[in-house]
């Protein structure tokens, strides 16, 4: 089964950019969520414009977009500072993700068997790719996020898609942080994903709810956040 991880991410920059500002916002966001641009870094219109060979107008628009995504905080006459994830933000974002995934799995009980198998097939393909990238954390992180996004968006809900586009940039940043902190033992993450898939296939939403809480607690306890 061919797998394009971006097809499962539902992130704002995984759709074709229609303007310079959108393309720029996507490029800057990717660097922030992957950790290439560190929290606390200042981005100025002048520097970003010079670095990308564009005028300051699309840069201004891109920085405004990054602020909407929660990745920067704008400061008058200074530019935009890359935000620092906080413990409260992490806990709230993960609670929303857990709720969305668990709700989908619960509703699978009332769905036909084909719907469950469709999701299971998609998750198996992602898991196979994950197993092959345990030595490449950056790739693994994208697939890790894709695994959870595939569950969240299984029902193609417009409301859920809207929530995900707004919160997704910060969630995938947390995923990159979790994966980076667990480098060398990413096979454990894949094992936990296998257990989650098993609960889906066994029609065990209660088991899935328990496993997802444990998975998120373990995976996101190994990196520092602001208090």
N, C-alpha and C. Protein backbone atom coordinates (compact mmCIF):
# COMPACT_ATOMS: atom_id res chain seq x y z
N UNK A 1 0.84 -1.20 0.00
CA UNK A 1 0.00 0.00 0.00
C UNK A 1 0.87 1.23 0.00
N UNK A 2 0.70 2.11 -0.99
CA UNK A 2 1.47 3.35 -1.05
C UNK A 2 1.01 4.29 0.05
N UNK A 3 1.96 4.92 0.71
CA UNK A 3 1.61 5.82 1.81
C UNK A 3 2.31 7.15 1.63
N UNK A 4 1.53 8.20 1.56
CA UNK A 4 2.06 9.55 1.58
C UNK A 4 1.73 10.11 2.96
N UNK A 5 2.72 10.22 3.87
CA UNK A 5 2.41 10.68 5.22
C UNK A 5 1.68 12.01 5.25
N UNK A 6 2.02 12.92 4.34
CA UNK A 6 1.39 14.24 4.35
C UNK A 6 -0.11 14.16 4.16
N UNK A 7 -0.57 13.10 3.49
CA UNK A 7 -2.01 12.96 3.23
C UNK A 7 -2.79 12.75 4.52
N UNK A 8 -2.12 12.33 5.58
CA UNK A 8 -2.80 12.05 6.84
C UNK A 8 -2.58 13.14 7.88
N UNK A 9 -1.77 14.14 7.58
CA UNK A 9 -1.40 15.10 8.60
C UNK A 9 -2.45 16.16 8.86
N UNK A 10 -3.13 16.63 7.80
CA UNK A 10 -4.12 17.69 7.93
C UNK A 10 -3.52 18.94 8.57
N UNK A 11 -2.29 19.24 8.23
CA UNK A 11 -1.64 20.45 8.70
C UNK A 11 -1.79 21.54 7.65
N UNK A 12 -1.81 22.80 8.07
CA UNK A 12 -2.06 23.88 7.09
C UNK A 12 -1.10 23.90 5.93
N UNK A 13 0.15 23.50 6.15
CA UNK A 13 1.15 23.60 5.08
C UNK A 13 1.30 22.33 4.26
N UNK A 14 0.42 21.34 4.45
CA UNK A 14 0.49 20.14 3.62
C UNK A 14 -0.41 20.23 2.40
N UNK A 15 -1.15 21.34 2.27
CA UNK A 15 -1.92 21.60 1.05
C UNK A 15 -1.15 22.61 0.21
N UNK A 16 -1.31 22.58 -1.11
CA UNK A 16 -0.55 23.49 -1.97
C UNK A 16 -0.76 24.96 -1.58
N UNK A 17 0.33 25.69 -1.42
CA UNK A 17 0.24 27.11 -1.07
C UNK A 17 -0.26 27.92 -2.27
N UNK A 18 -1.14 28.87 -2.00
CA UNK A 18 -1.71 29.68 -3.08
C UNK A 18 -1.03 31.04 -3.19
N UNK A 19 -0.20 31.40 -2.25
CA UNK A 19 0.44 32.71 -2.27
C UNK A 19 1.83 32.60 -1.68
N UNK A 20 2.63 33.64 -1.88
CA UNK A 20 3.97 33.68 -1.30
C UNK A 20 3.88 33.61 0.22
N UNK A 21 2.93 34.34 0.79
CA UNK A 21 2.78 34.37 2.24
C UNK A 21 2.45 32.98 2.79
N UNK A 22 1.59 32.24 2.12
CA UNK A 22 1.23 30.89 2.57
C UNK A 22 2.43 29.95 2.48
N UNK A 23 3.16 30.05 1.37
CA UNK A 23 4.35 29.20 1.22
C UNK A 23 5.37 29.53 2.31
N UNK A 24 5.56 30.81 2.56
CA UNK A 24 6.52 31.23 3.57
C UNK A 24 6.10 30.79 4.97
N UNK A 25 4.82 30.93 5.27
CA UNK A 25 4.32 30.48 6.57
C UNK A 25 4.57 29.00 6.77
N UNK A 26 4.34 28.21 5.71
CA UNK A 26 4.57 26.77 5.80
C UNK A 26 6.03 26.44 6.04
N UNK A 27 6.94 27.12 5.32
CA UNK A 27 8.37 26.86 5.48
C UNK A 27 8.84 27.22 6.89
N UNK A 28 8.40 28.39 7.37
CA UNK A 28 8.80 28.81 8.72
C UNK A 28 8.22 27.88 9.78
N UNK A 29 6.96 27.48 9.59
CA UNK A 29 6.32 26.58 10.54
C UNK A 29 7.05 25.24 10.61
N UNK A 30 7.42 24.71 9.45
CA UNK A 30 8.12 23.42 9.42
C UNK A 30 9.42 23.50 10.21
N UNK A 31 10.15 24.60 10.07
CA UNK A 31 11.41 24.74 10.80
C UNK A 31 11.18 24.86 12.30
N UNK A 32 10.08 25.50 12.67
CA UNK A 32 9.78 25.66 14.10
C UNK A 32 9.37 24.32 14.71
N UNK A 33 8.43 23.62 14.08
CA UNK A 33 7.92 22.39 14.69
C UNK A 33 8.97 21.29 14.71
N UNK A 34 9.90 21.31 13.76
CA UNK A 34 10.95 20.29 13.72
C UNK A 34 12.09 20.61 14.68
N UNK A 35 12.09 21.83 15.23
CA UNK A 35 13.14 22.23 16.16
C UNK A 35 14.32 22.90 15.50
N UNK A 36 14.29 23.02 14.16
CA UNK A 36 15.39 23.69 13.47
C UNK A 36 15.47 25.15 13.90
N UNK A 37 14.32 25.78 14.09
CA UNK A 37 14.26 27.13 14.66
C UNK A 37 13.81 26.97 16.11
N UNK A 38 14.68 27.30 17.03
CA UNK A 38 14.45 26.99 18.44
C UNK A 38 13.46 27.94 19.09
N UNK A 39 12.76 27.47 20.13
CA UNK A 39 11.90 28.35 20.92
C UNK A 39 12.71 29.53 21.46
N UNK A 40 12.11 30.70 21.48
CA UNK A 40 12.79 31.90 21.94
C UNK A 40 13.51 32.66 20.85
N UNK A 41 13.62 32.08 19.65
CA UNK A 41 14.25 32.76 18.52
C UNK A 41 13.39 33.92 18.06
N UNK A 42 14.04 35.03 17.73
CA UNK A 42 13.31 36.18 17.18
C UNK A 42 13.35 36.14 15.66
N UNK A 43 12.21 36.31 15.03
CA UNK A 43 12.09 36.40 13.58
C UNK A 43 11.67 37.83 13.25
N UNK A 44 12.46 38.52 12.44
CA UNK A 44 12.11 39.89 12.05
C UNK A 44 11.72 39.93 10.58
N UNK A 45 10.86 40.87 10.24
CA UNK A 45 10.43 41.00 8.85
C UNK A 45 11.63 41.20 7.93
N UNK A 46 12.58 42.02 8.35
CA UNK A 46 13.73 42.34 7.51
C UNK A 46 14.57 41.09 7.26
N UNK A 47 14.88 40.35 8.32
CA UNK A 47 15.74 39.17 8.17
C UNK A 47 15.06 38.07 7.37
N UNK A 48 13.77 37.82 7.65
CA UNK A 48 13.06 36.76 6.92
C UNK A 48 12.92 37.14 5.45
N UNK A 49 12.62 38.40 5.18
CA UNK A 49 12.48 38.85 3.79
C UNK A 49 13.79 38.69 3.04
N UNK A 50 14.89 39.09 3.66
CA UNK A 50 16.21 38.97 3.02
C UNK A 50 16.58 37.51 2.81
N UNK A 51 16.28 36.67 3.78
CA UNK A 51 16.63 35.27 3.69
C UNK A 51 15.86 34.50 2.65
N UNK A 52 14.67 35.00 2.30
CA UNK A 52 13.82 34.29 1.33
C UNK A 52 13.67 35.06 0.01
N UNK A 53 14.30 36.21 -0.09
CA UNK A 53 14.24 36.97 -1.33
C UNK A 53 12.86 37.48 -1.67
N UNK A 54 12.11 37.92 -0.64
CA UNK A 54 10.76 38.43 -0.87
C UNK A 54 10.64 39.79 -0.19
N UNK A 55 9.54 40.47 -0.45
CA UNK A 55 9.30 41.75 0.20
C UNK A 55 8.80 41.53 1.62
N UNK A 56 8.69 42.60 2.38
CA UNK A 56 8.27 42.47 3.77
C UNK A 56 6.76 42.22 3.91
N UNK A 57 5.98 42.55 2.88
CA UNK A 57 4.53 42.37 2.99
C UNK A 57 4.12 40.91 3.18
N UNK A 58 4.58 39.97 2.33
CA UNK A 58 4.22 38.57 2.58
C UNK A 58 4.81 38.03 3.87
N UNK A 59 5.97 38.56 4.28
CA UNK A 59 6.56 38.12 5.55
C UNK A 59 5.64 38.51 6.70
N UNK A 60 5.12 39.74 6.64
CA UNK A 60 4.20 40.20 7.69
C UNK A 60 2.98 39.30 7.76
N UNK A 61 2.44 38.95 6.59
CA UNK A 61 1.27 38.06 6.55
C UNK A 61 1.62 36.67 7.10
N UNK A 62 2.80 36.17 6.75
CA UNK A 62 3.21 34.85 7.22
C UNK A 62 3.37 34.82 8.74
N UNK A 63 3.94 35.88 9.29
CA UNK A 63 4.12 35.92 10.74
C UNK A 63 2.79 36.01 11.47
N UNK A 64 1.84 36.71 10.88
CA UNK A 64 0.49 36.75 11.47
C UNK A 64 -0.14 35.36 11.47
N UNK A 65 0.09 34.62 10.40
CA UNK A 65 -0.42 33.26 10.32
C UNK A 65 0.22 32.37 11.38
N UNK A 66 1.52 32.50 11.55
CA UNK A 66 2.22 31.71 12.56
C UNK A 66 1.70 32.03 13.96
N UNK A 67 1.31 33.27 14.18
CA UNK A 67 0.74 33.63 15.48
C UNK A 67 -0.61 32.93 15.68
N UNK A 68 -1.43 32.87 14.63
CA UNK A 68 -2.70 32.16 14.71
C UNK A 68 -2.46 30.69 15.04
N UNK A 69 -1.42 30.11 14.49
CA UNK A 69 -1.10 28.70 14.74
C UNK A 69 -0.46 28.49 16.11
N UNK A 70 -0.16 29.56 16.84
CA UNK A 70 0.41 29.44 18.16
C UNK A 70 1.90 29.18 18.18
N UNK A 71 2.57 29.41 17.05
CA UNK A 71 4.00 29.12 16.97
C UNK A 71 4.88 30.32 17.24
N UNK A 72 4.34 31.53 17.13
CA UNK A 72 5.09 32.74 17.45
C UNK A 72 4.19 33.70 18.20
N UNK A 73 4.84 34.65 18.88
CA UNK A 73 4.12 35.75 19.53
C UNK A 73 4.68 37.04 18.97
N UNK A 74 3.82 37.87 18.38
CA UNK A 74 4.26 39.11 17.76
C UNK A 74 4.48 40.19 18.82
N UNK A 75 5.53 40.98 18.61
CA UNK A 75 5.84 42.10 19.48
C UNK A 75 6.03 43.34 18.62
N UNK A 76 5.30 44.41 18.88
CA UNK A 76 5.42 45.63 18.07
C UNK A 76 6.86 46.11 17.95
N UNK A 77 7.28 46.38 16.72
CA UNK A 77 8.59 46.94 16.39
C UNK A 77 9.76 46.00 16.71
N UNK A 78 9.48 44.77 17.12
CA UNK A 78 10.55 43.83 17.43
C UNK A 78 10.53 42.61 16.52
N UNK A 79 9.36 42.20 16.10
CA UNK A 79 9.24 41.02 15.26
C UNK A 79 8.37 39.96 15.92
N UNK A 80 8.74 38.71 15.73
CA UNK A 80 7.97 37.60 16.27
C UNK A 80 8.91 36.66 16.99
N UNK A 81 8.56 36.31 18.22
CA UNK A 81 9.38 35.36 18.97
C UNK A 81 8.74 33.98 18.91
N UNK A 82 9.54 32.99 18.58
CA UNK A 82 9.05 31.61 18.56
C UNK A 82 8.64 31.22 19.97
N UNK A 83 7.40 30.76 20.11
CA UNK A 83 6.87 30.47 21.44
C UNK A 83 7.54 29.26 22.07
N UNK A 84 7.51 29.26 23.39
CA UNK A 84 8.06 28.16 24.17
C UNK A 84 6.89 27.32 24.69
N UNK A 85 6.82 26.04 24.34
CA UNK A 85 5.71 25.21 24.84
C UNK A 85 5.68 25.20 26.37
N UNK A 86 4.50 25.26 26.94
CA UNK A 86 4.35 25.21 28.39
C UNK A 86 3.70 23.90 28.80
N UNK A 87 3.82 23.58 30.08
CA UNK A 87 3.22 22.35 30.60
C UNK A 87 1.71 22.37 30.44
N UNK A 88 1.11 23.54 30.72
CA UNK A 88 -0.34 23.65 30.59
C UNK A 88 -0.78 23.45 29.15
N UNK A 89 -0.07 24.10 28.22
CA UNK A 89 -0.40 23.96 26.80
C UNK A 89 -0.27 22.51 26.37
N UNK A 90 0.82 21.87 26.76
CA UNK A 90 1.03 20.45 26.40
C UNK A 90 -0.11 19.58 26.91
N UNK A 91 -0.44 19.73 28.18
CA UNK A 91 -1.46 18.89 28.78
C UNK A 91 -2.83 19.11 28.13
N UNK A 92 -3.15 20.36 27.83
CA UNK A 92 -4.44 20.66 27.22
C UNK A 92 -4.51 20.15 25.78
N UNK A 93 -3.44 20.32 25.03
CA UNK A 93 -3.42 19.86 23.64
C UNK A 93 -3.53 18.33 23.59
N UNK A 94 -2.80 17.64 24.45
CA UNK A 94 -2.84 16.18 24.44
C UNK A 94 -4.20 15.66 24.90
N UNK A 95 -4.84 16.38 25.81
CA UNK A 95 -6.18 15.98 26.25
C UNK A 95 -7.18 16.06 25.11
N UNK A 96 -7.07 17.12 24.30
CA UNK A 96 -7.96 17.26 23.15
C UNK A 96 -7.70 16.14 22.14
N UNK A 97 -6.42 15.85 21.88
CA UNK A 97 -6.10 14.79 20.92
C UNK A 97 -6.61 13.44 21.40
N UNK A 98 -6.41 13.16 22.68
CA UNK A 98 -6.89 11.89 23.24
C UNK A 98 -8.40 11.77 23.11
N UNK A 99 -9.11 12.85 23.41
CA UNK A 99 -10.57 12.85 23.32
C UNK A 99 -11.03 12.59 21.89
N UNK A 100 -10.41 13.26 20.91
CA UNK A 100 -10.82 13.10 19.52
C UNK A 100 -10.58 11.67 19.05
N UNK A 101 -9.42 11.10 19.38
CA UNK A 101 -9.13 9.74 18.95
C UNK A 101 -10.07 8.73 19.61
N UNK A 102 -10.27 8.88 20.89
CA UNK A 102 -11.12 7.95 21.63
C UNK A 102 -12.56 7.99 21.12
N UNK A 103 -13.05 9.18 20.81
CA UNK A 103 -14.41 9.30 20.29
C UNK A 103 -14.57 8.57 18.96
N UNK A 104 -13.57 8.68 18.09
CA UNK A 104 -13.63 7.98 16.81
C UNK A 104 -13.68 6.47 17.04
N UNK A 105 -12.82 5.97 17.91
CA UNK A 105 -12.76 4.52 18.16
C UNK A 105 -14.06 4.02 18.78
N UNK A 106 -14.66 4.79 19.65
CA UNK A 106 -15.94 4.39 20.24
C UNK A 106 -17.03 4.29 19.18
N UNK A 107 -17.04 5.22 18.25
CA UNK A 107 -18.08 5.19 17.22
C UNK A 107 -17.85 4.08 16.21
N UNK A 108 -16.64 3.55 16.14
CA UNK A 108 -16.38 2.42 15.24
C UNK A 108 -17.21 1.20 15.62
N UNK A 109 -17.61 1.10 16.89
CA UNK A 109 -18.43 -0.03 17.33
C UNK A 109 -19.76 -0.07 16.59
N UNK A 110 -20.27 1.13 16.24
CA UNK A 110 -21.55 1.19 15.55
C UNK A 110 -21.39 1.21 14.04
N UNK A 111 -20.15 1.28 13.58
CA UNK A 111 -19.89 1.33 12.14
C UNK A 111 -19.80 -0.08 11.57
N UNK A 112 -19.85 -0.19 10.25
CA UNK A 112 -19.72 -1.50 9.64
C UNK A 112 -18.27 -1.97 9.71
N UNK A 113 -18.08 -3.26 9.55
CA UNK A 113 -16.74 -3.85 9.67
C UNK A 113 -15.77 -3.27 8.65
N UNK A 114 -16.28 -2.86 7.51
CA UNK A 114 -15.42 -2.31 6.47
C UNK A 114 -14.75 -1.03 6.91
N UNK A 115 -15.44 -0.21 7.69
CA UNK A 115 -14.87 1.04 8.16
C UNK A 115 -13.71 0.78 9.10
N UNK A 116 -13.88 -0.20 10.00
CA UNK A 116 -12.80 -0.54 10.92
C UNK A 116 -11.60 -1.11 10.17
N UNK A 117 -11.86 -1.96 9.20
CA UNK A 117 -10.75 -2.55 8.45
C UNK A 117 -10.03 -1.51 7.60
N UNK A 118 -10.79 -0.55 7.08
CA UNK A 118 -10.16 0.53 6.31
C UNK A 118 -9.17 1.29 7.17
N UNK A 119 -9.59 1.64 8.39
CA UNK A 119 -8.69 2.35 9.29
C UNK A 119 -7.52 1.47 9.69
N UNK A 120 -7.79 0.21 10.01
CA UNK A 120 -6.72 -0.70 10.42
C UNK A 120 -5.68 -0.86 9.32
N UNK A 121 -6.13 -0.96 8.08
CA UNK A 121 -5.20 -1.09 6.95
C UNK A 121 -4.30 0.13 6.83
N UNK A 122 -4.89 1.30 6.99
CA UNK A 122 -4.12 2.54 6.91
C UNK A 122 -3.10 2.61 8.05
N UNK A 123 -3.53 2.23 9.24
CA UNK A 123 -2.62 2.29 10.39
C UNK A 123 -1.49 1.28 10.27
N UNK A 124 -1.79 0.10 9.74
CA UNK A 124 -0.73 -0.90 9.54
C UNK A 124 0.34 -0.38 8.59
N UNK A 125 -0.09 0.29 7.53
CA UNK A 125 0.88 0.82 6.56
C UNK A 125 1.78 1.87 7.21
N UNK A 126 1.19 2.72 8.02
CA UNK A 126 2.00 3.73 8.72
C UNK A 126 2.96 3.06 9.70
N UNK A 127 2.47 2.04 10.41
CA UNK A 127 3.32 1.33 11.36
C UNK A 127 4.51 0.65 10.67
N UNK A 128 4.27 0.08 9.52
CA UNK A 128 5.37 -0.54 8.78
C UNK A 128 6.45 0.48 8.46
N UNK A 129 6.04 1.66 8.05
CA UNK A 129 7.00 2.73 7.75
C UNK A 129 7.70 3.18 9.03
N UNK A 130 6.96 3.26 10.13
CA UNK A 130 7.57 3.67 11.40
C UNK A 130 8.68 2.70 11.80
N UNK A 131 8.39 1.43 11.71
CA UNK A 131 9.39 0.43 12.08
C UNK A 131 10.68 0.60 11.28
N UNK A 132 10.54 1.06 10.05
CA UNK A 132 11.70 1.22 9.17
C UNK A 132 12.45 2.52 9.42
N UNK A 133 11.90 3.40 10.26
CA UNK A 133 12.54 4.72 10.45
C UNK A 133 12.93 4.97 11.91
N UNK A 134 13.05 3.91 12.72
CA UNK A 134 13.37 4.12 14.13
C UNK A 134 14.75 4.75 14.32
N UNK A 135 15.61 4.66 13.31
CA UNK A 135 16.94 5.28 13.41
C UNK A 135 16.96 6.67 12.79
N UNK A 136 15.81 7.14 12.32
CA UNK A 136 15.72 8.46 11.70
C UNK A 136 14.59 9.24 12.38
N UNK A 137 14.87 9.85 13.53
CA UNK A 137 13.82 10.48 14.34
C UNK A 137 12.95 11.50 13.61
N UNK A 138 13.52 12.31 12.73
CA UNK A 138 12.72 13.32 12.05
C UNK A 138 11.63 12.68 11.19
N UNK A 139 11.99 11.61 10.47
CA UNK A 139 11.00 10.90 9.66
C UNK A 139 10.01 10.17 10.55
N UNK A 140 10.51 9.57 11.62
CA UNK A 140 9.65 8.83 12.53
C UNK A 140 8.59 9.76 13.13
N UNK A 141 8.98 10.99 13.47
CA UNK A 141 8.04 11.94 14.07
C UNK A 141 6.88 12.24 13.14
N UNK A 142 7.16 12.41 11.85
CA UNK A 142 6.10 12.68 10.89
C UNK A 142 5.13 11.50 10.82
N UNK A 143 5.68 10.30 10.82
CA UNK A 143 4.83 9.11 10.77
C UNK A 143 4.08 8.90 12.08
N UNK A 144 4.70 9.26 13.20
CA UNK A 144 4.03 9.18 14.49
C UNK A 144 2.79 10.07 14.48
N UNK A 145 2.97 11.29 14.02
CA UNK A 145 1.83 12.21 13.96
C UNK A 145 0.79 11.71 12.96
N UNK A 146 1.26 11.16 11.84
CA UNK A 146 0.34 10.65 10.82
C UNK A 146 -0.51 9.51 11.37
N UNK A 147 0.05 8.68 12.22
CA UNK A 147 -0.70 7.56 12.81
C UNK A 147 -1.90 8.10 13.59
N UNK A 148 -1.65 9.05 14.46
CA UNK A 148 -2.74 9.59 15.27
C UNK A 148 -3.71 10.42 14.43
N UNK A 149 -3.18 11.15 13.46
CA UNK A 149 -4.05 11.95 12.60
C UNK A 149 -4.98 11.07 11.77
N UNK A 150 -4.50 9.89 11.36
CA UNK A 150 -5.33 8.98 10.58
C UNK A 150 -6.55 8.53 11.39
N UNK A 151 -6.38 8.36 12.69
CA UNK A 151 -7.51 8.00 13.54
C UNK A 151 -8.47 9.18 13.68
N UNK A 152 -7.90 10.34 14.00
CA UNK A 152 -8.73 11.53 14.23
C UNK A 152 -9.59 11.86 13.02
N UNK A 153 -9.02 11.72 11.82
CA UNK A 153 -9.72 12.15 10.61
C UNK A 153 -10.39 11.02 9.84
N UNK A 154 -10.52 9.87 10.50
CA UNK A 154 -11.11 8.72 9.82
C UNK A 154 -12.54 8.99 9.34
N UNK A 155 -13.28 9.78 10.10
CA UNK A 155 -14.68 10.04 9.75
C UNK A 155 -14.87 11.25 8.84
N UNK A 156 -13.78 11.92 8.47
CA UNK A 156 -13.81 13.06 7.55
C UNK A 156 -14.75 14.16 8.05
N UNK A 157 -14.71 14.44 9.33
CA UNK A 157 -15.54 15.48 9.92
C UNK A 157 -14.96 16.86 9.62
N UNK A 158 -15.80 17.74 9.10
CA UNK A 158 -15.35 19.09 8.80
C UNK A 158 -14.98 19.86 10.05
N UNK A 159 -15.73 19.67 11.12
CA UNK A 159 -15.46 20.37 12.38
C UNK A 159 -14.13 19.89 12.96
N UNK A 160 -13.91 18.58 12.95
CA UNK A 160 -12.65 18.03 13.45
C UNK A 160 -11.48 18.53 12.62
N UNK A 161 -11.67 18.60 11.31
CA UNK A 161 -10.61 19.10 10.44
C UNK A 161 -10.26 20.54 10.78
N UNK A 162 -11.27 21.34 11.08
CA UNK A 162 -11.04 22.73 11.44
C UNK A 162 -10.27 22.83 12.76
N UNK A 163 -10.65 22.02 13.73
CA UNK A 163 -9.94 22.00 15.01
C UNK A 163 -8.49 21.57 14.80
N UNK A 164 -8.29 20.56 13.98
CA UNK A 164 -6.96 20.01 13.75
C UNK A 164 -6.06 21.01 13.04
N UNK A 165 -6.61 21.75 12.08
CA UNK A 165 -5.78 22.74 11.37
C UNK A 165 -5.32 23.83 12.32
N UNK A 166 -6.14 24.16 13.30
CA UNK A 166 -5.78 25.20 14.25
C UNK A 166 -4.76 24.70 15.28
N UNK A 167 -4.98 23.49 15.79
CA UNK A 167 -4.14 22.96 16.85
C UNK A 167 -2.99 22.10 16.33
N UNK A 168 -3.10 21.61 15.09
CA UNK A 168 -2.11 20.70 14.54
C UNK A 168 -0.68 21.18 14.59
N UNK A 169 -0.40 22.45 14.25
CA UNK A 169 0.99 22.90 14.28
C UNK A 169 1.64 22.74 15.65
N UNK A 170 0.91 23.04 16.71
CA UNK A 170 1.48 22.89 18.05
C UNK A 170 1.55 21.41 18.46
N UNK A 171 0.59 20.62 18.00
CA UNK A 171 0.62 19.19 18.33
C UNK A 171 1.80 18.48 17.66
N UNK A 172 2.08 18.81 16.42
CA UNK A 172 3.19 18.11 15.77
C UNK A 172 4.52 18.60 16.33
N UNK A 173 4.56 19.84 16.83
CA UNK A 173 5.78 20.28 17.52
C UNK A 173 6.01 19.43 18.77
N UNK A 174 4.93 19.15 19.52
CA UNK A 174 5.06 18.28 20.69
C UNK A 174 5.52 16.87 20.28
N UNK A 175 5.01 16.40 19.14
CA UNK A 175 5.42 15.07 18.66
C UNK A 175 6.91 15.04 18.37
N UNK A 176 7.42 16.07 17.70
CA UNK A 176 8.86 16.13 17.43
C UNK A 176 9.66 16.16 18.72
N UNK A 177 9.19 16.89 19.72
CA UNK A 177 9.88 16.95 21.01
C UNK A 177 9.90 15.57 21.67
N UNK A 178 8.75 14.89 21.65
CA UNK A 178 8.66 13.56 22.27
C UNK A 178 9.58 12.57 21.58
N UNK A 179 9.59 12.58 20.25
CA UNK A 179 10.42 11.64 19.50
C UNK A 179 11.90 11.94 19.72
N UNK A 180 12.27 13.22 19.71
CA UNK A 180 13.68 13.58 19.92
C UNK A 180 14.16 13.14 21.30
N UNK A 181 13.28 13.23 22.30
CA UNK A 181 13.67 12.86 23.66
C UNK A 181 13.77 11.34 23.83
N UNK A 182 13.20 10.60 22.90
CA UNK A 182 13.20 9.13 23.01
C UNK A 182 14.07 8.47 21.95
N UNK A 183 14.93 9.25 21.30
CA UNK A 183 15.80 8.68 20.27
C UNK A 183 16.60 7.51 20.84
N UNK A 184 16.64 6.42 20.10
CA UNK A 184 17.32 5.22 20.58
C UNK A 184 16.37 4.18 21.12
N UNK A 185 15.14 4.58 21.41
CA UNK A 185 14.14 3.62 21.89
C UNK A 185 12.78 3.87 21.22
N UNK A 186 12.85 4.29 19.98
CA UNK A 186 11.60 4.60 19.27
C UNK A 186 10.80 3.35 18.95
N UNK A 187 11.45 2.20 19.01
CA UNK A 187 10.69 0.96 18.82
C UNK A 187 9.60 0.81 19.88
N UNK A 188 9.81 1.42 21.06
CA UNK A 188 8.78 1.38 22.11
C UNK A 188 7.54 2.15 21.68
N UNK A 189 7.74 3.29 21.02
CA UNK A 189 6.61 4.06 20.50
C UNK A 189 5.83 3.21 19.49
N UNK A 190 6.57 2.54 18.60
CA UNK A 190 5.91 1.71 17.59
C UNK A 190 5.17 0.54 18.24
N UNK A 191 5.74 -0.02 19.30
CA UNK A 191 5.06 -1.11 20.01
C UNK A 191 3.74 -0.61 20.61
N UNK A 192 3.76 0.59 21.16
CA UNK A 192 2.54 1.15 21.75
C UNK A 192 1.50 1.43 20.67
N UNK A 193 1.94 1.86 19.50
CA UNK A 193 1.01 2.05 18.39
C UNK A 193 0.41 0.71 17.97
N UNK A 194 1.21 -0.33 17.99
CA UNK A 194 0.71 -1.66 17.66
C UNK A 194 -0.39 -2.08 18.64
N UNK A 195 -0.18 -1.76 19.92
CA UNK A 195 -1.20 -2.09 20.93
C UNK A 195 -2.48 -1.29 20.70
N UNK A 196 -2.35 -0.03 20.31
CA UNK A 196 -3.53 0.79 20.01
C UNK A 196 -4.30 0.20 18.83
N UNK A 197 -3.56 -0.20 17.80
CA UNK A 197 -4.20 -0.83 16.65
C UNK A 197 -4.90 -2.12 17.06
N UNK A 198 -4.28 -2.88 17.95
CA UNK A 198 -4.89 -4.11 18.42
C UNK A 198 -6.21 -3.87 19.12
N UNK A 199 -6.29 -2.79 19.91
CA UNK A 199 -7.54 -2.46 20.60
C UNK A 199 -8.62 -2.08 19.61
N UNK A 200 -8.25 -1.39 18.53
CA UNK A 200 -9.22 -1.04 17.49
C UNK A 200 -9.75 -2.29 16.82
N UNK A 201 -8.83 -3.20 16.46
CA UNK A 201 -9.24 -4.42 15.77
C UNK A 201 -10.06 -5.33 16.68
N UNK A 202 -9.80 -5.27 17.99
CA UNK A 202 -10.53 -6.11 18.94
C UNK A 202 -11.85 -5.50 19.38
N UNK A 203 -12.19 -4.34 18.81
CA UNK A 203 -13.41 -3.63 19.18
C UNK A 203 -13.45 -3.39 20.70
N UNK A 204 -12.37 -2.80 21.18
CA UNK A 204 -12.21 -2.56 22.62
C UNK A 204 -11.95 -1.07 22.86
N UNK A 205 -12.98 -0.23 22.77
CA UNK A 205 -12.78 1.21 22.96
C UNK A 205 -12.30 1.56 24.35
N UNK A 206 -12.73 0.82 25.36
CA UNK A 206 -12.26 1.09 26.72
C UNK A 206 -10.76 0.82 26.84
N UNK A 207 -10.32 -0.28 26.21
CA UNK A 207 -8.90 -0.59 26.20
C UNK A 207 -8.11 0.46 25.45
N UNK A 208 -8.66 0.92 24.32
CA UNK A 208 -7.99 1.96 23.55
C UNK A 208 -7.85 3.22 24.40
N UNK A 209 -8.92 3.62 25.09
CA UNK A 209 -8.88 4.83 25.91
C UNK A 209 -7.79 4.73 26.97
N UNK A 210 -7.66 3.56 27.59
CA UNK A 210 -6.63 3.37 28.61
C UNK A 210 -5.24 3.42 27.98
N UNK A 211 -5.08 2.77 26.86
CA UNK A 211 -3.77 2.72 26.20
C UNK A 211 -3.33 4.08 25.68
N UNK A 212 -4.26 4.87 25.14
CA UNK A 212 -3.88 6.16 24.59
C UNK A 212 -3.44 7.11 25.71
N UNK A 213 -4.09 7.03 26.86
CA UNK A 213 -3.68 7.86 28.00
C UNK A 213 -2.27 7.48 28.45
N UNK A 214 -2.00 6.19 28.53
CA UNK A 214 -0.67 5.73 28.93
C UNK A 214 0.38 6.12 27.90
N UNK A 215 0.03 5.96 26.64
CA UNK A 215 0.96 6.27 25.54
C UNK A 215 1.36 7.75 25.57
N UNK A 216 0.38 8.63 25.71
CA UNK A 216 0.68 10.05 25.72
C UNK A 216 1.46 10.45 26.97
N UNK A 217 1.11 9.87 28.10
CA UNK A 217 1.81 10.21 29.35
C UNK A 217 3.28 9.80 29.27
N UNK A 218 3.54 8.59 28.76
CA UNK A 218 4.92 8.12 28.66
C UNK A 218 5.70 8.90 27.61
N UNK A 219 5.09 9.09 26.47
CA UNK A 219 5.80 9.70 25.36
C UNK A 219 6.14 11.16 25.57
N UNK A 220 5.34 11.85 26.37
CA UNK A 220 5.54 13.30 26.52
C UNK A 220 6.05 13.69 27.89
N UNK A 221 6.70 12.75 28.55
CA UNK A 221 7.27 13.06 29.87
C UNK A 221 8.79 13.24 29.82
N UNK A 222 9.38 13.05 28.65
CA UNK A 222 10.84 13.05 28.58
C UNK A 222 11.48 14.33 28.08
N UNK A 223 10.70 15.38 27.88
CA UNK A 223 11.30 16.64 27.42
C UNK A 223 10.84 17.79 28.31
N UNK A 224 11.63 18.85 28.29
CA UNK A 224 11.37 20.00 29.15
C UNK A 224 10.39 20.96 28.50
N UNK A 225 9.47 21.49 29.31
CA UNK A 225 8.57 22.55 28.88
C UNK A 225 8.57 23.63 29.95
N UNK A 226 8.13 24.82 29.57
CA UNK A 226 8.07 25.92 30.53
C UNK A 226 6.94 25.68 31.54
N UNK A 227 7.14 26.15 32.74
CA UNK A 227 6.12 26.00 33.79
C UNK A 227 5.32 27.29 33.94
